[in-house]
């Protein structure tokens, strides 16, 4: 799931080399943490969080096909 988030994020930002995606397990849920450059955080979140919500929706849809639970967190400094 982390690779899917990474591909989407790199397509949206101006500094794709600063995109960092990590995965952690919390019980039966995979937590995908996304970190981007400070200049690009607005591009990932979007107006009223629309882009962040869309990323989460796409990842959840992919997770359902694999029978896993996924949560996407956007990490800010």
PDB file of N, CA and C in Angstrom:
ATOM      1  N   UNK A   1       0.815  -1.193   0.000  1.00  0.00           N
ATOM      2  CA  UNK A   1       0.000   0.000   0.000  1.00  0.00           C
ATOM      3  C   UNK A   1       0.864   1.265   0.000  1.00  0.00           C
ATOM      4  N   UNK A   2       2.018   1.176   0.624  1.00  0.00           N
ATOM      5  CA  UNK A   2       2.907   2.330   0.679  1.00  0.00           C
ATOM      6  C   UNK A   2       3.370   2.762  -0.695  1.00  0.00           C
ATOM      7  N   UNK A   3       3.584   1.796  -1.571  1.00  0.00           N
ATOM      8  CA  UNK A   3       4.042   2.145  -2.922  1.00  0.00           C
ATOM      9  C   UNK A   3       2.957   2.884  -3.701  1.00  0.00           C
ATOM     10  N   UNK A   4       1.701   2.531  -3.482  1.00  0.00           N
ATOM     11  CA  UNK A   4       0.597   3.230  -4.129  1.00  0.00           C
ATOM     12  C   UNK A   4       0.536   4.683  -3.660  1.00  0.00           C
ATOM     13  N   UNK A   5       0.658   4.901  -2.363  1.00  0.00           N
ATOM     14  CA  UNK A   5       0.648   6.258  -1.809  1.00  0.00           C
ATOM     15  C   UNK A   5       1.831   7.050  -2.353  1.00  0.00           C
ATOM     16  N   UNK A   6       2.979   6.408  -2.454  1.00  0.00           N
ATOM     17  CA  UNK A   6       4.175   7.084  -2.950  1.00  0.00           C
ATOM     18  C   UNK A   6       3.999   7.535  -4.403  1.00  0.00           C
ATOM     19  N   UNK A   7       3.447   6.682  -5.239  1.00  0.00           N
ATOM     20  CA  UNK A   7       3.233   7.028  -6.648  1.00  0.00           C
ATOM     21  C   UNK A   7       2.264   8.199  -6.772  1.00  0.00           C
ATOM     22  N   UNK A   8       1.186   8.168  -6.030  1.00  0.00           N
ATOM     23  CA  UNK A   8       0.206   9.252  -6.080  1.00  0.00           C
ATOM     24  C   UNK A   8       0.829  10.556  -5.596  1.00  0.00           C
ATOM     25  N   UNK A   9       1.535  10.500  -4.469  1.00  0.00           N
ATOM     26  CA  UNK A   9       2.132  11.706  -3.893  1.00  0.00           C
ATOM     27  C   UNK A   9       3.180  12.315  -4.818  1.00  0.00           C
ATOM     28  N   UNK A  10       4.022  11.481  -5.400  1.00  0.00           N
ATOM     29  CA  UNK A  10       5.066  12.002  -6.289  1.00  0.00           C
ATOM     30  C   UNK A  10       4.478  12.669  -7.522  1.00  0.00           C
ATOM     31  N   UNK A  11       3.318  12.226  -7.952  1.00  0.00           N
ATOM     32  CA  UNK A  11       2.658  12.840  -9.104  1.00  0.00           C
ATOM     33  C   UNK A  11       2.078  14.215  -8.766  1.00  0.00           C
ATOM     34  N   UNK A  12       1.811  14.462  -7.496  1.00  0.00           N
ATOM     35  CA  UNK A  12       1.159  15.707  -7.091  1.00  0.00           C
ATOM     36  C   UNK A  12       2.113  16.820  -6.674  1.00  0.00           C
ATOM     37  N   UNK A  13       3.290  16.476  -6.203  1.00  0.00           N
ATOM     38  CA  UNK A  13       4.186  17.468  -5.599  1.00  0.00           C
ATOM     39  C   UNK A  13       5.204  18.012  -6.592  1.00  0.00           C
ATOM     40  N   UNK A  14       5.844  19.125  -6.216  1.00  0.00           N
ATOM     41  CA  UNK A  14       6.893  19.712  -7.058  1.00  0.00           C
ATOM     42  C   UNK A  14       8.274  19.173  -6.707  1.00  0.00           C
ATOM     43  N   UNK A  15       8.416  18.590  -5.517  1.00  0.00           N
ATOM     44  CA  UNK A  15       9.685  18.000  -5.084  1.00  0.00           C
ATOM     45  C   UNK A  15       9.488  16.511  -4.797  1.00  0.00           C
ATOM     46  N   UNK A  16       9.367  15.694  -5.857  1.00  0.00           N
ATOM     47  CA  UNK A  16       9.082  14.268  -5.630  1.00  0.00           C
ATOM     48  C   UNK A  16      10.196  13.506  -4.925  1.00  0.00           C
ATOM     49  N   UNK A  17      11.423  14.028  -4.976  1.00  0.00           N
ATOM     50  CA  UNK A  17      12.520  13.341  -4.299  1.00  0.00           C
ATOM     51  C   UNK A  17      12.439  13.464  -2.780  1.00  0.00           C
ATOM     52  N   UNK A  18      11.591  14.358  -2.275  1.00  0.00           N
ATOM     53  CA  UNK A  18      11.439  14.527  -0.827  1.00  0.00           C
ATOM     54  C   UNK A  18      10.221  13.795  -0.265  1.00  0.00           C
ATOM     55  N   UNK A  19       9.571  12.990  -1.077  1.00  0.00           N
ATOM     56  CA  UNK A  19       8.431  12.197  -0.616  1.00  0.00           C
ATOM     57  C   UNK A  19       8.960  10.983   0.139  1.00  0.00           C
ATOM     58  N   UNK A  20       8.491  10.815   1.373  1.00  0.00           N
ATOM     59  CA  UNK A  20       8.901   9.675   2.204  1.00  0.00           C
ATOM     60  C   UNK A  20       7.639   8.962   2.691  1.00  0.00           C
ATOM     61  N   UNK A  21       7.575   7.672   2.423  1.00  0.00           N
ATOM     62  CA  UNK A  21       6.423   6.868   2.839  1.00  0.00           C
ATOM     63  C   UNK A  21       6.931   5.731   3.723  1.00  0.00           C
ATOM     64  N   UNK A  22       6.315   5.597   4.898  1.00  0.00           N
ATOM     65  CA  UNK A  22       6.658   4.495   5.800  1.00  0.00           C
ATOM     66  C   UNK A  22       5.385   3.742   6.163  1.00  0.00           C
ATOM     67  N   UNK A  23       5.548   2.484   6.483  1.00  0.00           N
ATOM     68  CA  UNK A  23       4.417   1.652   6.885  1.00  0.00           C
ATOM     69  C   UNK A  23       4.657   1.093   8.281  1.00  0.00           C
ATOM     70  N   UNK A  24       3.608   1.085   9.091  1.00  0.00           N
ATOM     71  CA  UNK A  24       3.652   0.505  10.432  1.00  0.00           C
ATOM     72  C   UNK A  24       2.428  -0.374  10.613  1.00  0.00           C
ATOM     73  N   UNK A  25       2.552  -1.370  11.456  1.00  0.00           N
ATOM     74  CA  UNK A  25       1.409  -2.222  11.782  1.00  0.00           C
ATOM     75  C   UNK A  25       0.862  -1.819  13.141  1.00  0.00           C
ATOM     76  N   UNK A  26      -0.442  -1.703  13.217  1.00  0.00           N
ATOM     77  CA  UNK A  26      -1.124  -1.437  14.479  1.00  0.00           C
ATOM     78  C   UNK A  26      -2.259  -2.450  14.587  1.00  0.00           C
ATOM     79  N   UNK A  27      -1.964  -3.565  15.200  1.00  0.00           N
ATOM     80  CA  UNK A  27      -2.950  -4.639  15.256  1.00  0.00           C
ATOM     81  C   UNK A  27      -3.131  -5.235  13.868  1.00  0.00           C
ATOM     82  N   UNK A  28      -4.353  -5.154  13.348  1.00  0.00           N
ATOM     83  CA  UNK A  28      -4.613  -5.682  12.006  1.00  0.00           C
ATOM     84  C   UNK A  28      -4.682  -4.574  10.954  1.00  0.00           C
ATOM     85  N   UNK A  29      -4.260  -3.370  11.305  1.00  0.00           N
ATOM     86  CA  UNK A  29      -4.314  -2.223  10.401  1.00  0.00           C
ATOM     87  C   UNK A  29      -2.910  -1.794   9.996  1.00  0.00           C
ATOM     88  N   UNK A  30      -2.734  -1.538   8.712  1.00  0.00           N
ATOM     89  CA  UNK A  30      -1.480  -0.985   8.206  1.00  0.00           C
ATOM     90  C   UNK A  30      -1.621   0.533   8.220  1.00  0.00           C
ATOM     91  N   UNK A  31      -0.693   1.205   8.891  1.00  0.00           N
ATOM     92  CA  UNK A  31      -0.700   2.665   8.922  1.00  0.00           C
ATOM     93  C   UNK A  31       0.387   3.143   7.965  1.00  0.00           C
ATOM     94  N   UNK A  32      -0.033   3.865   6.944  1.00  0.00           N
ATOM     95  CA  UNK A  32       0.890   4.409   5.957  1.00  0.00           C
ATOM     96  C   UNK A  32       1.091   5.881   6.292  1.00  0.00           C
ATOM     97  N   UNK A  33       2.342   6.254   6.576  1.00  0.00           N
ATOM     98  CA  UNK A  33       2.655   7.642   6.918  1.00  0.00           C
ATOM     99  C   UNK A  33       3.332   8.301   5.724  1.00  0.00           C
ATOM    100  N   UNK A  34       2.800   9.452   5.329  1.00  0.00           N
ATOM    101  CA  UNK A  34       3.291  10.185   4.168  1.00  0.00           C
ATOM    102  C   UNK A  34       3.893  11.500   4.626  1.00  0.00           C
ATOM    103  N   UNK A  35       5.126  11.746   4.224  1.00  0.00           N
ATOM    104  CA  UNK A  35       5.794  13.001   4.547  1.00  0.00           C
ATOM    105  C   UNK A  35       6.300  13.617   3.253  1.00  0.00           C
ATOM    106  N   UNK A  36       6.013  14.910   3.058  1.00  0.00           N
ATOM    107  CA  UNK A  36       6.463  15.630   1.871  1.00  0.00           C
ATOM    108  C   UNK A  36       7.157  16.916   2.310  1.00  0.00           C
ATOM    109  N   UNK A  37       7.750  17.617   1.352  1.00  0.00           N
ATOM    110  CA  UNK A  37       8.403  18.890   1.651  1.00  0.00           C
ATOM    111  C   UNK A  37       7.375  19.888   2.178  1.00  0.00           C
ATOM    112  N   UNK A  38       7.824  20.832   2.998  1.00  0.00           N
ATOM    113  CA  UNK A  38       6.923  21.832   3.578  1.00  0.00           C
ATOM    114  C   UNK A  38       6.171  22.608   2.505  1.00  0.00           C
ATOM    115  N   UNK A  39       6.830  22.882   1.384  1.00  0.00           N
ATOM    116  CA  UNK A  39       6.187  23.629   0.295  1.00  0.00           C
ATOM    117  C   UNK A  39       5.060  22.836  -0.362  1.00  0.00           C
ATOM    118  N   UNK A  40       5.107  21.524  -0.277  1.00  0.00           N
ATOM    119  CA  UNK A  40       4.146  20.667  -0.976  1.00  0.00           C
ATOM    120  C   UNK A  40       3.003  20.166  -0.099  1.00  0.00           C
ATOM    121  N   UNK A  41       3.005  20.483   1.164  1.00  0.00           N
ATOM    122  CA  UNK A  41       1.978  19.935   2.059  1.00  0.00           C
ATOM    123  C   UNK A  41       0.574  20.377   1.646  1.00  0.00           C
ATOM    124  N   UNK A  42       0.468  21.602   1.166  1.00  0.00           N
ATOM    125  CA  UNK A  42      -0.831  22.092   0.711  1.00  0.00           C
ATOM    126  C   UNK A  42      -1.336  21.357  -0.516  1.00  0.00           C
ATOM    127  N   UNK A  43      -0.420  20.930  -1.366  1.00  0.00           N
ATOM    128  CA  UNK A  43      -0.810  20.198  -2.567  1.00  0.00           C
ATOM    129  C   UNK A  43      -1.311  18.802  -2.227  1.00  0.00           C
ATOM    130  N   UNK A  44      -0.803  18.234  -1.158  1.00  0.00           N
ATOM    131  CA  UNK A  44      -1.237  16.902  -0.733  1.00  0.00           C
ATOM    132  C   UNK A  44      -2.576  16.974   0.007  1.00  0.00           C
ATOM    133  N   UNK A  45      -2.756  18.002   0.811  1.00  0.00           N
ATOM    134  CA  UNK A  45      -4.001  18.129   1.575  1.00  0.00           C
ATOM    135  C   UNK A  45      -5.125  18.665   0.687  1.00  0.00           C
ATOM    136  N   UNK A  46      -4.843  19.693  -0.090  1.00  0.00           N
ATOM    137  CA  UNK A  46      -5.852  20.263  -0.975  1.00  0.00           C
ATOM    138  C   UNK A  46      -6.838  21.144  -0.229  1.00  0.00           C
ATOM    139  N   UNK A  47      -7.706  21.808  -0.985  1.00  0.00           N
ATOM    140  CA  UNK A  47      -8.727  22.673  -0.376  1.00  0.00           C
ATOM    141  C   UNK A  47      -9.684  21.829   0.447  1.00  0.00           C
ATOM    142  N   UNK A  48      -9.841  22.211   1.677  1.00  0.00           N
ATOM    143  CA  UNK A  48     -10.738  21.517   2.615  1.00  0.00           C
ATOM    144  C   UNK A  48     -10.410  20.038   2.756  1.00  0.00           C
ATOM    145  N   UNK A  49      -9.172  19.650   2.452  1.00  0.00           N
ATOM    146  CA  UNK A  49      -8.758  18.259   2.610  1.00  0.00           C
ATOM    147  C   UNK A  49      -9.245  17.330   1.524  1.00  0.00           C
ATOM    148  N   UNK A  50      -9.666  17.871   0.395  1.00  0.00           N
ATOM    149  CA  UNK A  50     -10.244  17.031  -0.663  1.00  0.00           C
ATOM    150  C   UNK A  50      -9.239  16.054  -1.264  1.00  0.00           C
ATOM    151  N   UNK A  51      -8.021  16.506  -1.518  1.00  0.00           N
ATOM    152  CA  UNK A  51      -7.036  15.609  -2.131  1.00  0.00           C
ATOM    153  C   UNK A  51      -6.621  14.526  -1.143  1.00  0.00           C
ATOM    154  N   UNK A  52      -6.421  14.896   0.124  1.00  0.00           N
ATOM    155  CA  UNK A  52      -6.072  13.905   1.143  1.00  0.00           C
ATOM    156  C   UNK A  52      -7.179  12.858   1.256  1.00  0.00           C
ATOM    157  N   UNK A  53      -8.420  13.295   1.215  1.00  0.00           N
ATOM    158  CA  UNK A  53      -9.550  12.373   1.300  1.00  0.00           C
ATOM    159  C   UNK A  53      -9.577  11.451   0.078  1.00  0.00           C
ATOM    160  N   UNK A  54      -9.269  11.990  -1.092  1.00  0.00           N
ATOM    161  CA  UNK A  54      -9.246  11.175  -2.308  1.00  0.00           C
ATOM    162  C   UNK A  54      -8.135  10.122  -2.247  1.00  0.00           C
ATOM    163  N   UNK A  55      -6.966  10.508  -1.736  1.00  0.00           N
ATOM    164  CA  UNK A  55      -5.860   9.551  -1.596  1.00  0.00           C
ATOM    165  C   UNK A  55      -6.284   8.420  -0.664  1.00  0.00           C
ATOM    166  N   UNK A  56      -6.897   8.776   0.450  1.00  0.00           N
ATOM    167  CA  UNK A  56      -7.348   7.756   1.413  1.00  0.00           C
ATOM    168  C   UNK A  56      -8.388   6.823   0.789  1.00  0.00           C
ATOM    169  N   UNK A  57      -9.285   7.383  -0.010  1.00  0.00           N
ATOM    170  CA  UNK A  57     -10.326   6.578  -0.651  1.00  0.00           C
ATOM    171  C   UNK A  57      -9.726   5.574  -1.632  1.00  0.00           C
ATOM    172  N   UNK A  58      -8.781   6.014  -2.442  1.00  0.00           N
ATOM    173  CA  UNK A  58      -8.136   5.127  -3.409  1.00  0.00           C
ATOM    174  C   UNK A  58      -7.378   4.013  -2.689  1.00  0.00           C
ATOM    175  N   UNK A  59      -6.658   4.359  -1.629  1.00  0.00           N
ATOM    176  CA  UNK A  59      -5.881   3.359  -0.899  1.00  0.00           C
ATOM    177  C   UNK A  59      -6.811   2.360  -0.209  1.00  0.00           C
ATOM    178  N   UNK A  60      -7.902   2.824   0.365  1.00  0.00           N
ATOM    179  CA  UNK A  60      -8.851   1.904   1.002  1.00  0.00           C
ATOM    180  C   UNK A  60      -9.471   0.959  -0.014  1.00  0.00           C
ATOM    181  N   UNK A  61      -9.772   1.482  -1.210  1.00  0.00           N
ATOM    182  CA  UNK A  61     -10.345   0.622  -2.250  1.00  0.00           C
ATOM    183  C   UNK A  61      -9.348  -0.469  -2.652  1.00  0.00           C
ATOM    184  N   UNK A  62      -8.080  -0.116  -2.775  1.00  0.00           N
ATOM    185  CA  UNK A  62      -7.054  -1.115  -3.094  1.00  0.00           C
ATOM    186  C   UNK A  62      -6.887  -2.104  -1.948  1.00  0.00           C
ATOM    187  N   UNK A  63      -7.007  -1.628  -0.729  1.00  0.00           N
ATOM    188  CA  UNK A  63      -6.852  -2.494   0.446  1.00  0.00           C
ATOM    189  C   UNK A  63      -7.992  -3.503   0.546  1.00  0.00           C
ATOM    190  N   UNK A  64      -9.185  -3.093   0.175  1.00  0.00           N
ATOM    191  CA  UNK A  64     -10.332  -3.998   0.240  1.00  0.00           C
ATOM    192  C   UNK A  64     -10.105  -5.195  -0.679  1.00  0.00           C
ATOM    193  N   UNK A  65      -9.511  -4.943  -1.837  1.00  0.00           N
ATOM    194  CA  UNK A  65      -9.238  -6.044  -2.766  1.00  0.00           C
ATOM    195  C   UNK A  65      -8.238  -7.038  -2.186  1.00  0.00           C
ATOM    196  N   UNK A  66      -7.367  -6.566  -1.288  1.00  0.00           N
ATOM    197  CA  UNK A  66      -6.372  -7.441  -0.670  1.00  0.00           C
ATOM    198  C   UNK A  66      -6.789  -7.898   0.721  1.00  0.00           C
ATOM    199  N   UNK A  67      -7.991  -7.563   1.142  1.00  0.00           N
ATOM    200  CA  UNK A  67      -8.531  -7.945   2.445  1.00  0.00           C
ATOM    201  C   UNK A  67      -7.664  -7.473   3.609  1.00  0.00           C
ATOM    202  N   UNK A  68      -7.221  -6.224   3.546  1.00  0.00           N
ATOM    203  CA  UNK A  68      -6.470  -5.626   4.650  1.00  0.00           C
ATOM    204  C   UNK A  68      -7.092  -4.275   4.993  1.00  0.00           C
ATOM    205  N   UNK A  69      -6.772  -3.774   6.184  1.00  0.00           N
ATOM    206  CA  UNK A  69      -7.237  -2.458   6.615  1.00  0.00           C
ATOM    207  C   UNK A  69      -6.059  -1.502   6.554  1.00  0.00           C
ATOM    208  N   UNK A  70      -6.295  -0.329   5.995  1.00  0.00           N
ATOM    209  CA  UNK A  70      -5.221   0.644   5.815  1.00  0.00           C
ATOM    210  C   UNK A  70      -5.685   2.005   6.284  1.00  0.00           C
ATOM    211  N   UNK A  71      -4.785   2.732   6.935  1.00  0.00           N
ATOM    212  CA  UNK A  71      -5.019   4.093   7.341  1.00  0.00           C
ATOM    213  C   UNK A  71      -3.869   4.936   6.802  1.00  0.00           C
ATOM    214  N   UNK A  72      -4.185   6.079   6.190  1.00  0.00           N
ATOM    215  CA  UNK A  72      -3.162   6.963   5.644  1.00  0.00           C
ATOM    216  C   UNK A  72      -3.071   8.208   6.509  1.00  0.00           C
ATOM    217  N   UNK A  73      -1.865   8.510   6.980  1.00  0.00           N
ATOM    218  CA  UNK A  73      -1.623   9.705   7.794  1.00  0.00           C
ATOM    219  C   UNK A  73      -0.645  10.596   7.059  1.00  0.00           C
ATOM    220  N   UNK A  74      -0.932  11.891   7.057  1.00  0.00           N
ATOM    221  CA  UNK A  74      -0.031  12.857   6.470  1.00  0.00           C
ATOM    222  C   UNK A  74       0.740  13.512   7.607  1.00  0.00           C
ATOM    223  N   UNK A  75       2.061  13.360   7.589  1.00  0.00           N
ATOM    224  CA  UNK A  75       2.923  13.826   8.679  1.00  0.00           C
ATOM    225  C   UNK A  75       3.458  15.206   8.333  1.00  0.00           C
ATOM    226  N   UNK A  76       3.272  16.142   9.266  1.00  0.00           N
ATOM    227  CA  UNK A  76       3.814  17.490   9.111  1.00  0.00           C
ATOM    228  C   UNK A  76       4.885  17.717  10.161  1.00  0.00           C
ATOM    229  N   UNK A  77       5.882  18.525   9.826  1.00  0.00           N
ATOM    230  CA  UNK A  77       6.928  18.858  10.797  1.00  0.00           C
ATOM    231  C   UNK A  77       6.439  19.904  11.763  1.00  0.00           C
TER     232      UNK A  77
END
